[in-house]
Amino acid sequence: MKRSALTSAVTICVVFQGCAIAHLPPVEQKPHPVVDQSAKVRDLRKQIRERDERIQELESQLETLKLIDQDSRQQKMLLKPPTTLESLE
């Protein structure tokens, strides 16, 4: 009986191994070229800094143009003759 029990146990193990999930072969990872990330980061920061400086410059120019436009409108109002003339009598 010991022999049949051992045979049964071995048979059960073989059956379970056959039912086990087959392991997939490991996925090969493609080698990535080493990229100097810090150089990219520095370049992007420089571009952002230059963009921010340009925005400040353009905002300053816009404010100047607004003042010029406002002065121009005030000058036109001062030089414009009244639409109705009242008699001096």
PDB file of N, CA and C in Angstrom:
ATOM      1  N   MET A   1       0.800  -1.184   0.000  1.00  0.00           N
ATOM      2  CA  MET A   1       0.000   0.000   0.000  1.00  0.00           C
ATOM      3  C   MET A   1       0.842   1.246   0.000  1.00  0.00           C
ATOM      4  N   LYS A   2       1.942   1.179   0.624  1.00  0.00           N
ATOM      5  CA  LYS A   2       2.810   2.326   0.652  1.00  0.00           C
ATOM      6  C   LYS A   2       3.242   2.686  -0.761  1.00  0.00           C
ATOM      7  N   ARG A   3       3.456   1.674  -1.523  1.00  0.00           N
ATOM      8  CA  ARG A   3       3.907   1.901  -2.889  1.00  0.00           C
ATOM      9  C   ARG A   3       2.804   2.548  -3.710  1.00  0.00           C
ATOM     10  N   SER A   4       1.563   2.152  -3.545  1.00  0.00           N
ATOM     11  CA  SER A   4       0.466   2.740  -4.300  1.00  0.00           C
ATOM     12  C   SER A   4       0.199   4.168  -3.831  1.00  0.00           C
ATOM     13  N   ALA A   5       0.380   4.433  -2.554  1.00  0.00           N
ATOM     14  CA  ALA A   5       0.205   5.789  -2.039  1.00  0.00           C
ATOM     15  C   ALA A   5       1.273   6.699  -2.612  1.00  0.00           C
ATOM     16  N   LEU A   6       2.499   6.213  -2.687  1.00  0.00           N
ATOM     17  CA  LEU A   6       3.596   6.988  -3.256  1.00  0.00           C
ATOM     18  C   LEU A   6       3.358   7.231  -4.733  1.00  0.00           C
ATOM     19  N   THR A   7       2.890   6.207  -5.432  1.00  0.00           N
ATOM     20  CA  THR A   7       2.601   6.342  -6.855  1.00  0.00           C
ATOM     21  C   THR A   7       1.480   7.350  -7.064  1.00  0.00           C
ATOM     22  N   SER A   8       0.473   7.330  -6.231  1.00  0.00           N
ATOM     23  CA  SER A   8      -0.639   8.275  -6.330  1.00  0.00           C
ATOM     24  C   SER A   8      -0.157   9.696  -6.072  1.00  0.00           C
ATOM     25  N   ALA A   9       0.687   9.857  -5.095  1.00  0.00           N
ATOM     26  CA  ALA A   9       1.201  11.185  -4.766  1.00  0.00           C
ATOM     27  C   ALA A   9       2.034  11.740  -5.923  1.00  0.00           C
ATOM     28  N   VAL A  10       2.868  10.896  -6.495  1.00  0.00           N
ATOM     29  CA  VAL A  10       3.687  11.321  -7.631  1.00  0.00           C
ATOM     30  C   VAL A  10       2.801  11.669  -8.812  1.00  0.00           C
ATOM     31  N   THR A  11       1.781  10.864  -9.046  1.00  0.00           N
ATOM     32  CA  THR A  11       0.865  11.117 -10.161  1.00  0.00           C
ATOM     33  C   THR A  11       0.140  12.440  -9.949  1.00  0.00           C
ATOM     34  N   ILE A  12      -0.304  12.682  -8.756  1.00  0.00           N
ATOM     35  CA  ILE A  12      -1.007  13.942  -8.464  1.00  0.00           C
ATOM     36  C   ILE A  12      -0.067  15.129  -8.681  1.00  0.00           C
ATOM     37  N   CYS A  13       1.167  15.017  -8.246  1.00  0.00           N
ATOM     38  CA  CYS A  13       2.140  16.105  -8.435  1.00  0.00           C
ATOM     39  C   CYS A  13       2.384  16.372  -9.917  1.00  0.00           C
ATOM     40  N   VAL A  14       2.511  15.300 -10.697  1.00  0.00           N
ATOM     41  CA  VAL A  14       2.739  15.461 -12.137  1.00  0.00           C
ATOM     42  C   VAL A  14       1.533  16.128 -12.780  1.00  0.00           C
ATOM     43  N   VAL A  15       0.334  15.745 -12.376  1.00  0.00           N
ATOM     44  CA  VAL A  15      -0.883  16.344 -12.938  1.00  0.00           C
ATOM     45  C   VAL A  15      -0.932  17.833 -12.582  1.00  0.00           C
ATOM     46  N   PHE A  16      -0.669  18.158 -11.319  1.00  0.00           N
ATOM     47  CA  PHE A  16      -0.712  19.561 -10.910  1.00  0.00           C
ATOM     48  C   PHE A  16       0.356  20.388 -11.626  1.00  0.00           C
ATOM     49  N   GLN A  17       1.513  19.834 -11.862  1.00  0.00           N
ATOM     50  CA  GLN A  17       2.552  20.564 -12.570  1.00  0.00           C
ATOM     51  C   GLN A  17       2.127  20.823 -14.008  1.00  0.00           C
ATOM     52  N   GLY A  18       1.441  19.885 -14.595  1.00  0.00           N
ATOM     53  CA  GLY A  18       0.966  20.075 -15.964  1.00  0.00           C
ATOM     54  C   GLY A  18      -0.101  21.146 -16.041  1.00  0.00           C
ATOM     55  N   CYS A  19      -0.863  21.322 -14.958  1.00  0.00           N
ATOM     56  CA  CYS A  19      -1.922  22.328 -14.927  1.00  0.00           C
ATOM     57  C   CYS A  19      -1.397  23.694 -14.502  1.00  0.00           C
ATOM     58  N   ALA A  20      -0.212  23.734 -14.031  1.00  0.00           N
ATOM     59  CA  ALA A  20       0.344  25.007 -13.557  1.00  0.00           C
ATOM     60  C   ALA A  20       0.467  25.996 -14.714  1.00  0.00           C
ATOM     61  N   ILE A  21       0.369  27.265 -14.375  1.00  0.00           N
ATOM     62  CA  ILE A  21       0.476  28.332 -15.383  1.00  0.00           C
ATOM     63  C   ILE A  21       1.905  28.352 -15.913  1.00  0.00           C
ATOM     64  N   ALA A  22       1.977  28.312 -17.205  1.00  0.00           N
ATOM     65  CA  ALA A  22       3.305  28.345 -17.827  1.00  0.00           C
ATOM     66  C   ALA A  22       3.896  29.731 -17.642  1.00  0.00           C
ATOM     67  N   HIS A  23       5.126  29.768 -17.259  1.00  0.00           N
ATOM     68  CA  HIS A  23       5.810  31.055 -17.078  1.00  0.00           C
ATOM     69  C   HIS A  23       6.240  31.576 -18.442  1.00  0.00           C
ATOM     70  N   LEU A  24       5.928  32.835 -18.650  1.00  0.00           N
ATOM     71  CA  LEU A  24       6.334  33.468 -19.902  1.00  0.00           C
ATOM     72  C   LEU A  24       7.812  33.798 -19.837  1.00  0.00           C
ATOM     73  N   PRO A  25       8.458  33.743 -20.972  1.00  0.00           N
ATOM     74  CA  PRO A  25       9.875  34.112 -20.954  1.00  0.00           C
ATOM     75  C   PRO A  25       9.998  35.590 -20.600  1.00  0.00           C
ATOM     76  N   PRO A  26      11.061  35.953 -19.938  1.00  0.00           N
ATOM     77  CA  PRO A  26      11.216  37.354 -19.537  1.00  0.00           C
ATOM     78  C   PRO A  26      11.256  38.270 -20.765  1.00  0.00           C
ATOM     79  N   VAL A  27      10.628  39.417 -20.621  1.00  0.00           N
ATOM     80  CA  VAL A  27      10.597  40.395 -21.709  1.00  0.00           C
ATOM     81  C   VAL A  27      11.962  41.059 -21.797  1.00  0.00           C
ATOM     82  N   GLU A  28      12.475  41.074 -22.981  1.00  0.00           N
ATOM     83  CA  GLU A  28      13.775  41.706 -23.170  1.00  0.00           C
ATOM     84  C   GLU A  28      13.588  43.211 -23.224  1.00  0.00           C
ATOM     85  N   GLN A  29      14.321  43.900 -22.409  1.00  0.00           N
ATOM     86  CA  GLN A  29      14.236  45.350 -22.403  1.00  0.00           C
ATOM     87  C   GLN A  29      15.258  45.902 -23.380  1.00  0.00           C
ATOM     88  N   LYS A  30      14.755  46.788 -24.213  1.00  0.00           N
ATOM     89  CA  LYS A  30      15.657  47.399 -25.181  1.00  0.00           C
ATOM     90  C   LYS A  30      16.539  48.400 -24.456  1.00  0.00           C
ATOM     91  N   PRO A  31      17.784  48.392 -24.759  1.00  0.00           N
ATOM     92  CA  PRO A  31      18.668  49.356 -24.094  1.00  0.00           C
ATOM     93  C   PRO A  31      18.339  50.773 -24.560  1.00  0.00           C
ATOM     94  N   HIS A  32      18.215  51.677 -23.593  1.00  0.00           N
ATOM     95  CA  HIS A  32      17.943  53.077 -23.900  1.00  0.00           C
ATOM     96  C   HIS A  32      19.263  53.835 -23.925  1.00  0.00           C
ATOM     97  N   PRO A  33      19.430  54.683 -24.917  1.00  0.00           N
ATOM     98  CA  PRO A  33      20.666  55.465 -24.919  1.00  0.00           C
ATOM     99  C   PRO A  33      20.686  56.384 -23.703  1.00  0.00           C
ATOM    100  N   VAL A  34      21.833  56.503 -23.137  1.00  0.00           N
ATOM    101  CA  VAL A  34      21.977  57.357 -21.965  1.00  0.00           C
ATOM    102  C   VAL A  34      21.869  58.803 -22.422  1.00  0.00           C
ATOM    103  N   VAL A  35      20.908  59.492 -21.847  1.00  0.00           N
ATOM    104  CA  VAL A  35      20.674  60.875 -22.212  1.00  0.00           C
ATOM    105  C   VAL A  35      20.983  61.737 -20.999  1.00  0.00           C
ATOM    106  N   ASP A  36      21.674  62.818 -21.254  1.00  0.00           N
ATOM    107  CA  ASP A  36      22.011  63.719 -20.164  1.00  0.00           C
ATOM    108  C   ASP A  36      20.784  64.556 -19.834  1.00  0.00           C
ATOM    109  N   GLN A  37      19.994  64.078 -18.880  1.00  0.00           N
ATOM    110  CA  GLN A  37      18.755  64.753 -18.506  1.00  0.00           C
ATOM    111  C   GLN A  37      19.033  66.133 -17.923  1.00  0.00           C
ATOM    112  N   SER A  38      20.130  66.273 -17.192  1.00  0.00           N
ATOM    113  CA  SER A  38      20.410  67.563 -16.564  1.00  0.00           C
ATOM    114  C   SER A  38      20.653  68.644 -17.620  1.00  0.00           C
ATOM    115  N   ALA A  39      21.245  68.290 -18.743  1.00  0.00           N
ATOM    116  CA  ALA A  39      21.463  69.264 -19.815  1.00  0.00           C
ATOM    117  C   ALA A  39      20.126  69.690 -20.414  1.00  0.00           C
ATOM    118  N   LYS A  40      19.218  68.747 -20.582  1.00  0.00           N
ATOM    119  CA  LYS A  40      17.883  69.081 -21.098  1.00  0.00           C
ATOM    120  C   LYS A  40      17.148  69.987 -20.122  1.00  0.00           C
ATOM    121  N   VAL A  41      17.247  69.664 -18.850  1.00  0.00           N
ATOM    122  CA  VAL A  41      16.576  70.458 -17.828  1.00  0.00           C
ATOM    123  C   VAL A  41      17.136  71.880 -17.828  1.00  0.00           C
ATOM    124  N   ARG A  42      18.450  72.002 -17.891  1.00  0.00           N
ATOM    125  CA  ARG A  42      19.066  73.344 -17.932  1.00  0.00           C
ATOM    126  C   ARG A  42      18.592  74.119 -19.150  1.00  0.00           C
ATOM    127  N   ASP A  43      18.523  73.445 -20.298  1.00  0.00           N
ATOM    128  CA  ASP A  43      18.081  74.104 -21.526  1.00  0.00           C
ATOM    129  C   ASP A  43      16.635  74.564 -21.411  1.00  0.00           C
ATOM    130  N   LEU A  44      15.772  73.712 -20.868  1.00  0.00           N
ATOM    131  CA  LEU A  44      14.371  74.090 -20.704  1.00  0.00           C
ATOM    132  C   LEU A  44      14.206  75.242 -19.719  1.00  0.00           C
ATOM    133  N   ARG A  45      14.964  75.221 -18.638  1.00  0.00           N
ATOM    134  CA  ARG A  45      14.904  76.325 -17.662  1.00  0.00           C
ATOM    135  C   ARG A  45      15.365  77.629 -18.296  1.00  0.00           C
ATOM    136  N   LYS A  46      16.395  77.549 -19.112  1.00  0.00           N
ATOM    137  CA  LYS A  46      16.887  78.750 -19.804  1.00  0.00           C
ATOM    138  C   LYS A  46      15.810  79.290 -20.748  1.00  0.00           C
ATOM    139  N   GLN A  47      15.149  78.387 -21.476  1.00  0.00           N
ATOM    140  CA  GLN A  47      14.088  78.818 -22.386  1.00  0.00           C
ATOM    141  C   GLN A  47      12.939  79.474 -21.612  1.00  0.00           C
ATOM    142  N   ILE A  48      12.596  78.913 -20.467  1.00  0.00           N
ATOM    143  CA  ILE A  48      11.520  79.482 -19.645  1.00  0.00           C
ATOM    144  C   ILE A  48      11.926  80.860 -19.137  1.00  0.00           C
ATOM    145  N   ARG A  49      13.157  80.981 -18.667  1.00  0.00           N
ATOM    146  CA  ARG A  49      13.647  82.267 -18.159  1.00  0.00           C
ATOM    147  C   ARG A  49      13.621  83.322 -19.265  1.00  0.00           C
ATOM    148  N   GLU A  50      14.078  82.952 -20.474  1.00  0.00           N
ATOM    149  CA  GLU A  50      14.070  83.880 -21.602  1.00  0.00           C
ATOM    150  C   GLU A  50      12.637  84.253 -21.981  1.00  0.00           C
ATOM    151  N   ARG A  51      11.744  83.288 -21.946  1.00  0.00           N
ATOM    152  CA  ARG A  51      10.333  83.556 -22.257  1.00  0.00           C
ATOM    153  C   ARG A  51       9.734  84.523 -21.245  1.00  0.00           C
ATOM    154  N   ASP A  52      10.009  84.297 -19.955  1.00  0.00           N
ATOM    155  CA  ASP A  52       9.489  85.177 -18.908  1.00  0.00           C
ATOM    156  C   ASP A  52      10.024  86.592 -19.054  1.00  0.00           C
ATOM    157  N   GLU A  53      11.300  86.722 -19.393  1.00  0.00           N
ATOM    158  CA  GLU A  53      11.885  88.051 -19.609  1.00  0.00           C
ATOM    159  C   GLU A  53      11.217  88.746 -20.791  1.00  0.00           C
ATOM    160  N   ARG A  54      10.959  88.009 -21.850  1.00  0.00           N
ATOM    161  CA  ARG A  54      10.297  88.575 -23.037  1.00  0.00           C
ATOM    162  C   ARG A  54       8.873  89.010 -22.692  1.00  0.00           C
ATOM    163  N   ILE A  55       8.175  88.220 -21.883  1.00  0.00           N
ATOM    164  CA  ILE A  55       6.823  88.578 -21.464  1.00  0.00           C
ATOM    165  C   ILE A  55       6.848  89.875 -20.660  1.00  0.00           C
ATOM    166  N   GLN A  56       7.801  90.015 -19.749  1.00  0.00           N
ATOM    167  CA  GLN A  56       7.916  91.243 -18.957  1.00  0.00           C
ATOM    168  C   GLN A  56       8.190  92.442 -19.862  1.00  0.00           C
ATOM    169  N   GLU A  57       9.063  92.246 -20.832  1.00  0.00           N
ATOM    170  CA  GLU A  57       9.388  93.322 -21.771  1.00  0.00           C
ATOM    171  C   GLU A  57       8.139  93.742 -22.557  1.00  0.00           C
ATOM    172  N   LEU A  58       7.391  92.771 -23.045  1.00  0.00           N
ATOM    173  CA  LEU A  58       6.190  93.077 -23.823  1.00  0.00           C
ATOM    174  C   LEU A  58       5.105  93.731 -22.954  1.00  0.00           C
ATOM    175  N   GLU A  59       4.981  93.292 -21.701  1.00  0.00           N
ATOM    176  CA  GLU A  59       4.013  93.920 -20.802  1.00  0.00           C
ATOM    177  C   GLU A  59       4.383  95.371 -20.543  1.00  0.00           C
ATOM    178  N   SER A  60       5.660  95.633 -20.379  1.00  0.00           N
ATOM    179  CA  SER A  60       6.125  97.006 -20.177  1.00  0.00           C
ATOM    180  C   SER A  60       5.823  97.864 -21.407  1.00  0.00           C
ATOM    181  N   GLN A  61       6.088  97.324 -22.581  1.00  0.00           N
ATOM    182  CA  GLN A  61       5.793  98.054 -23.818  1.00  0.00           C
ATOM    183  C   GLN A  61       4.294  98.305 -23.958  1.00  0.00           C
ATOM    184  N   LEU A  62       3.485  97.339 -23.581  1.00  0.00           N
ATOM    185  CA  LEU A  62       2.032  97.495 -23.660  1.00  0.00           C
ATOM    186  C   LEU A  62       1.566  98.621 -22.741  1.00  0.00           C
ATOM    187  N   GLU A  63       2.082  98.665 -21.524  1.00  0.00           N
ATOM    188  CA  GLU A  63       1.716  99.735 -20.594  1.00  0.00           C
ATOM    189  C   GLU A  63       2.128 101.097 -21.147  1.00  0.00           C
ATOM    190  N   THR A  64       3.298 101.166 -21.745  1.00  0.00           N
ATOM    191  CA  THR A  64       3.754 102.417 -22.351  1.00  0.00           C
ATOM    192  C   THR A  64       2.824 102.834 -23.478  1.00  0.00           C
ATOM    193  N   LEU A  65       2.442 101.902 -24.319  1.00  0.00           N
ATOM    194  CA  LEU A  65       1.523 102.208 -25.418  1.00  0.00           C
ATOM    195  C   LEU A  65       0.154 102.645 -24.899  1.00  0.00           C
ATOM    196  N   LYS A  66      -0.299 102.070 -23.827  1.00  0.00           N
ATOM    197  CA  LYS A  66      -1.572 102.486 -23.232  1.00  0.00           C
ATOM    198  C   LYS A  66      -1.499 103.935 -22.762  1.00  0.00           C
ATOM    199  N   LEU A  67      -0.380 104.291 -22.131  1.00  0.00           N
ATOM    200  CA  LEU A  67      -0.209 105.674 -21.676  1.00  0.00           C
ATOM    201  C   LEU A  67      -0.164 106.638 -22.851  1.00  0.00           C
ATOM    202  N   ILE A  68       0.544 106.256 -23.895  1.00  0.00           N
ATOM    203  CA  ILE A  68       0.621 107.094 -25.086  1.00  0.00           C
ATOM    204  C   ILE A  68      -0.766 107.270 -25.686  1.00  0.00           C
ATOM    205  N   ASP A  69      -1.533 106.214 -25.769  1.00  0.00           N
ATOM    206  CA  ASP A  69      -2.885 106.277 -26.319  1.00  0.00           C
ATOM    207  C   ASP A  69      -3.771 107.172 -25.457  1.00  0.00           C
ATOM    208  N   GLN A  70      -3.648 107.033 -24.161  1.00  0.00           N
ATOM    209  CA  GLN A  70      -4.445 107.849 -23.247  1.00  0.00           C
ATOM    210  C   GLN A  70      -4.087 109.330 -23.410  1.00  0.00           C
ATOM    211  N   ASP A  71      -2.807 109.655 -23.484  1.00  0.00           N
ATOM    212  CA  ASP A  71      -2.378 111.038 -23.694  1.00  0.00           C
ATOM    213  C   ASP A  71      -2.889 111.569 -25.019  1.00  0.00           C
ATOM    214  N   SER A  72      -2.811 110.744 -26.037  1.00  0.00           N
ATOM    215  CA  SER A  72      -3.274 111.156 -27.363  1.00  0.00           C
ATOM    216  C   SER A  72      -4.769 111.482 -27.333  1.00  0.00           C
ATOM    217  N   ARG A  73      -5.553 110.696 -26.663  1.00  0.00           N
ATOM    218  CA  ARG A  73      -7.000 110.951 -26.567  1.00  0.00           C
ATOM    219  C   ARG A  73      -7.282 112.238 -25.797  1.00  0.00           C
ATOM    220  N   GLN A  74      -6.514 112.445 -24.743  1.00  0.00           N
ATOM    221  CA  GLN A  74      -6.710 113.674 -23.965  1.00  0.00           C
ATOM    222  C   GLN A  74      -6.349 114.902 -24.798  1.00  0.00           C
ATOM    223  N   GLN A  75      -5.290 114.805 -25.580  1.00  0.00           N
ATOM    224  CA  GLN A  75      -4.885 115.930 -26.435  1.00  0.00           C
ATOM    225  C   GLN A  75      -5.964 116.225 -27.475  1.00  0.00           C
ATOM    226  N   LYS A  76      -6.537 115.208 -28.055  1.00  0.00           N
ATOM    227  CA  LYS A  76      -7.594 115.394 -29.047  1.00  0.00           C
ATOM    228  C   LYS A  76      -8.802 116.078 -28.417  1.00  0.00           C
ATOM    229  N   MET A  77      -9.115 115.721 -27.199  1.00  0.00           N
ATOM    230  CA  MET A  77     -10.262 116.322 -26.527  1.00  0.00           C
ATOM    231  C   MET A  77     -10.002 117.797 -26.238  1.00  0.00           C
ATOM    232  N   LEU A  78      -8.777 118.131 -25.899  1.00  0.00           N
ATOM    233  CA  LEU A  78      -8.442 119.527 -25.608  1.00  0.00           C
ATOM    234  C   LEU A  78      -8.441 120.377 -26.869  1.00  0.00           C
ATOM    235  N   LEU A  79      -8.035 119.816 -27.977  1.00  0.00           N
ATOM    236  CA  LEU A  79      -7.936 120.565 -29.221  1.00  0.00           C
ATOM    237  C   LEU A  79      -9.248 120.608 -29.992  1.00  0.00           C
ATOM    238  N   LYS A  80     -10.157 119.771 -29.655  1.00  0.00           N
ATOM    239  CA  LYS A  80     -11.416 119.670 -30.385  1.00  0.00           C
ATOM    240  C   LYS A  80     -12.317 120.867 -30.037  1.00  0.00           C
ATOM    241  N   PRO A  81     -12.816 121.554 -31.047  1.00  0.00           N
ATOM    242  CA  PRO A  81     -13.702 122.691 -30.743  1.00  0.00           C
ATOM    243  C   PRO A  81     -15.051 122.169 -30.259  1.00  0.00           C
ATOM    244  N   PRO A  82     -15.732 122.965 -29.478  1.00  0.00           N
ATOM    245  CA  PRO A  82     -17.048 122.524 -29.025  1.00  0.00           C
ATOM    246  C   PRO A  82     -17.989 122.331 -30.195  1.00  0.00           C
ATOM    247  N   THR A  83     -18.919 121.448 -30.048  1.00  0.00           N
ATOM    248  CA  THR A  83     -19.840 121.166 -31.158  1.00  0.00           C
ATOM    249  C   THR A  83     -20.890 122.238 -31.327  1.00  0.00           C
ATOM    250  N   THR A  84     -21.249 122.916 -30.260  1.00  0.00           N
ATOM    251  CA  THR A  84     -22.201 124.028 -30.365  1.00  0.00           C
ATOM    252  C   THR A  84     -21.531 125.291 -29.866  1.00  0.00           C
ATOM    253  N   LEU A  85     -21.715 126.307 -30.610  1.00  0.00           N
ATOM    254  CA  LEU A  85     -21.149 127.594 -30.210  1.00  0.00           C
ATOM    255  C   LEU A  85     -22.249 128.469 -29.626  1.00  0.00           C
ATOM    256  N   GLU A  86     -21.995 129.009 -28.490  1.00  0.00           N
ATOM    257  CA  GLU A  86     -22.947 129.918 -27.873  1.00  0.00           C
ATOM    258  C   GLU A  86     -22.572 131.344 -28.247  1.00  0.00           C
ATOM    259  N   SER A  87     -23.538 132.116 -28.406  1.00  0.00           N
ATOM    260  CA  SER A  87     -23.257 133.507 -28.753  1.00  0.00           C
ATOM    261  C   SER A  87     -22.702 134.237 -27.540  1.00  0.00           C
ATOM    262  N   LEU A  88     -21.827 135.137 -27.821  1.00  0.00           N
ATOM    263  CA  LEU A  88     -21.182 135.881 -26.741  1.00  0.00           C
ATOM    264  C   LEU A  88     -22.065 137.036 -26.251  1.00  0.00           C
ATOM    265  N   GLU A  89     -23.121 137.331 -26.909  1.00  0.00           N
ATOM    266  CA  GLU A  89     -23.977 138.457 -26.549  1.00  0.00           C
ATOM    267  C   GLU A  89     -24.824 138.225 -25.369  1.00  0.00           C
TER     268      GLU A  89
END
